[in-house]
Amino acid sequence: MRLTDYTDYAFKVLMYLAIHRNRLVTVQEIASAHQIPRSQIAKVVHRLGRAGLLDTSRGRGGGMRLGVAPDAIRLGDVARLAESDFAVVECFNDASNQCRLSPVCVLKHVLAAATAAYLQQLDQLTLDDIVAGEGPATAQSRVAGMPGPGFRQERDSYR
């Protein structure tokens, strides 16, 4: 499974805002920090704002901040919000499925279970888990199979 760049950007926006909770942050600031086109960050911010995850204000002196506490933002919910679908193979979409093996293939069910497990792992983590304290090391002790520490250095470079 591979998440789109859009979802990656959504996670980056949320992490940046969680780290800078005490002030308003601009789209340009996040775009510069991650070397991502401003237009891409603006699209992500718009969707996250419409979902209520961000508070945004326009105009001079405007910016954004988290609209929800970091411990209430589940990574699985963010992925579901940002991704258009999780169809990893064509047979997940009955309307456009052209696979001739579908009537006898078990792979669809295996991949559906794998996708559900993937999202379940993300559902176990909050934004706070990945930016607070020791970063992913804290969450790693709760969720087996997650990557080890490494975000801390990147997080500290934002401060």
Protein backbone atom coordinates (compact mmCIF):
# COMPACT_ATOMS: atom_id res chain seq x y z
CA MET A 1 0.00 0.00 0.00
CA ARG A 2 1.18 3.47 -0.79
CA LEU A 3 -0.31 6.71 0.40
CA THR A 4 -0.51 9.59 -2.03
CA ASP A 5 1.68 12.68 -1.73
CA TYR A 6 -1.47 14.54 -0.73
CA THR A 7 -1.85 12.36 2.38
CA ASP A 8 1.84 12.72 3.17
CA TYR A 9 1.43 16.50 2.96
CA ALA A 10 -1.62 16.34 5.25
CA PHE A 11 0.43 14.52 7.88
CA LYS A 12 3.27 17.04 7.49
CA VAL A 13 0.92 20.00 7.87
CA LEU A 14 -0.63 18.53 11.00
CA MET A 15 2.73 17.62 12.54
CA TYR A 16 4.11 21.09 11.86
CA LEU A 17 1.07 22.71 13.45
CA ALA A 18 1.22 20.39 16.46
CA ILE A 19 4.84 21.35 17.02
CA HIS A 20 4.00 25.07 16.68
CA ARG A 21 0.79 25.06 18.74
CA ASN A 22 1.44 28.41 20.39
CA ARG A 23 1.23 30.56 17.28
CA LEU A 24 -0.37 31.01 13.89
CA VAL A 25 1.49 29.38 11.01
CA THR A 26 1.24 30.31 7.33
CA VAL A 27 0.91 28.09 4.29
CA GLN A 28 4.14 29.58 2.95
CA GLU A 29 6.00 28.70 6.15
CA ILE A 30 5.03 25.04 5.91
CA ALA A 31 5.71 24.94 2.17
CA SER A 32 9.19 26.37 2.74
CA ALA A 33 9.95 24.09 5.67
CA HIS A 34 9.13 20.98 3.64
CA GLN A 35 10.12 22.29 0.19
CA ILE A 36 6.64 21.53 -1.14
CA PRO A 37 4.85 23.83 -3.60
CA ARG A 38 2.70 26.38 -1.78
CA SER A 39 -0.30 25.47 -3.96
CA GLN A 40 -0.16 21.87 -2.78
CA ILE A 41 -0.06 22.87 0.88
CA ALA A 42 -2.94 25.31 0.29
CA LYS A 43 -5.12 22.48 -1.09
CA VAL A 44 -4.35 20.28 1.90
CA VAL A 45 -5.01 23.12 4.36
CA HIS A 46 -8.35 23.84 2.68
CA ARG A 47 -9.53 20.24 3.09
CA LEU A 48 -8.24 19.93 6.67
CA GLY A 49 -9.94 23.22 7.53
CA ARG A 50 -13.26 22.12 6.03
CA ALA A 51 -13.01 18.93 8.09
CA GLY A 52 -12.60 21.01 11.26
CA LEU A 53 -9.07 19.88 11.99
CA LEU A 54 -7.67 23.39 11.46
CA ASP A 55 -8.73 26.88 12.43
CA THR A 56 -7.79 29.27 9.66
CA SER A 57 -7.89 33.02 9.31
CA ARG A 58 -7.28 34.90 6.09
CA GLY A 59 -5.66 38.22 5.40
CA ARG A 60 -2.84 40.17 6.94
CA GLY A 61 -1.82 38.56 10.20
CA GLY A 62 -3.76 35.43 9.30
CA GLY A 63 -2.64 31.87 9.40
CA MET A 64 -3.72 28.57 10.83
CA ARG A 65 -3.48 26.42 13.89
CA LEU A 66 -4.87 23.09 14.98
CA GLY A 67 -8.62 23.21 15.51
CA VAL A 68 -8.61 19.98 17.50
CA ALA A 69 -6.26 18.79 20.23
CA PRO A 70 -3.42 16.63 18.85
CA ASP A 71 -4.46 13.71 21.05
CA ALA A 72 -7.89 13.71 19.37
CA ILE A 73 -6.58 13.47 15.80
CA ARG A 74 -6.24 9.82 14.75
CA LEU A 75 -3.83 9.14 11.89
CA GLY A 76 -6.27 6.66 10.36
CA ASP A 77 -8.95 9.35 10.18
CA VAL A 78 -6.52 11.71 8.45
CA ALA A 79 -5.57 9.04 5.92
CA ARG A 80 -9.24 8.30 5.19
CA LEU A 81 -9.95 12.02 4.79
CA ALA A 82 -7.02 12.60 2.44
CA GLU A 83 -7.16 9.46 0.31
CA SER A 84 -9.78 9.18 -2.41
CA ASP A 85 -9.95 5.40 -1.98
CA PHE A 86 -7.95 2.42 -0.81
CA ALA A 87 -8.51 0.23 -3.85
CA VAL A 88 -5.11 -1.40 -4.17
CA VAL A 89 -6.24 -3.59 -7.05
CA GLU A 90 -8.92 -3.21 -9.72
CA CYS A 91 -11.21 -5.86 -8.26
CA PHE A 92 -11.94 -3.60 -5.27
CA ASN A 93 -14.17 -1.56 -7.58
CA ASP A 94 -17.07 -3.70 -8.78
CA ALA A 95 -18.13 -1.10 -11.37
CA SER A 96 -14.81 -1.02 -13.23
CA ASN A 97 -13.43 -4.47 -12.44
CA GLN A 98 -12.24 -6.22 -15.61
CA CYS A 99 -10.28 -9.02 -13.94
CA ARG A 100 -11.31 -12.42 -15.28
CA LEU A 101 -10.06 -14.17 -12.17
CA SER A 102 -12.43 -12.34 -9.80
CA PRO A 103 -15.05 -15.12 -9.54
CA VAL A 104 -12.47 -17.59 -8.17
CA CYS A 105 -9.74 -15.36 -6.73
CA VAL A 106 -9.12 -15.10 -3.00
CA LEU A 107 -6.50 -12.35 -3.36
CA LYS A 108 -9.12 -9.59 -3.16
CA HIS A 109 -10.09 -10.73 0.34
CA VAL A 110 -6.48 -11.02 1.46
CA LEU A 111 -5.70 -7.51 0.21
CA ALA A 112 -8.87 -6.12 1.80
CA ALA A 113 -7.81 -7.62 5.14
CA ALA A 114 -4.30 -6.19 4.72
CA THR A 115 -5.74 -2.75 3.99
CA ALA A 116 -7.98 -2.97 7.05
CA ALA A 117 -4.98 -3.96 9.19
CA TYR A 118 -2.98 -1.04 7.78
CA LEU A 119 -5.71 1.43 8.69
CA GLN A 120 -6.15 -0.22 12.09
CA GLN A 121 -2.47 0.46 12.84
CA LEU A 122 -2.96 4.11 11.89
CA ASP A 123 -6.12 4.26 14.01
CA GLN A 124 -4.08 3.34 17.08
CA LEU A 125 -1.95 6.48 16.80
CA THR A 126 -2.80 10.11 17.34
CA LEU A 127 -1.00 13.20 16.13
CA ASP A 128 0.16 13.70 19.70
CA ASP A 129 1.77 10.24 19.71
CA ILE A 130 4.05 11.15 16.84
CA VAL A 131 5.08 14.65 17.89
CA ALA A 132 5.05 14.62 21.70
CA GLY A 133 7.79 13.47 24.01
CA GLU A 134 10.11 11.09 22.25
CA GLY A 135 8.15 11.05 19.00
CA PRO A 136 7.46 7.63 17.53
CA ALA A 137 9.43 5.85 20.27
CA THR A 138 6.56 6.49 22.66
CA ALA A 139 4.04 5.15 20.19
CA GLN A 140 6.34 2.29 19.20
CA SER A 141 6.07 0.82 22.67
CA ARG A 142 2.30 0.53 22.06
CA VAL A 143 2.23 -0.44 18.40
CA ALA A 144 4.45 -3.30 17.31
CA GLY A 145 6.09 -3.01 13.93
CA MET A 146 6.30 0.78 13.78
CA PRO A 147 9.61 2.36 12.80
CA GLY A 148 11.94 3.46 15.57
CA PRO A 149 13.00 6.93 16.67
CA GLY A 150 14.01 9.40 14.01
CA PHE A 151 11.40 12.11 13.95
CA ARG A 152 12.87 13.84 17.00
CA GLN A 153 15.75 15.40 15.05
CA GLU A 154 13.39 16.71 12.34
CA ARG A 155 10.96 17.94 14.99
CA ASP A 156 13.68 19.82 16.84
CA SER A 157 14.80 21.52 13.63
CA TYR A 158 11.35 23.20 13.44
CA ARG A 159 11.77 24.94 16.77
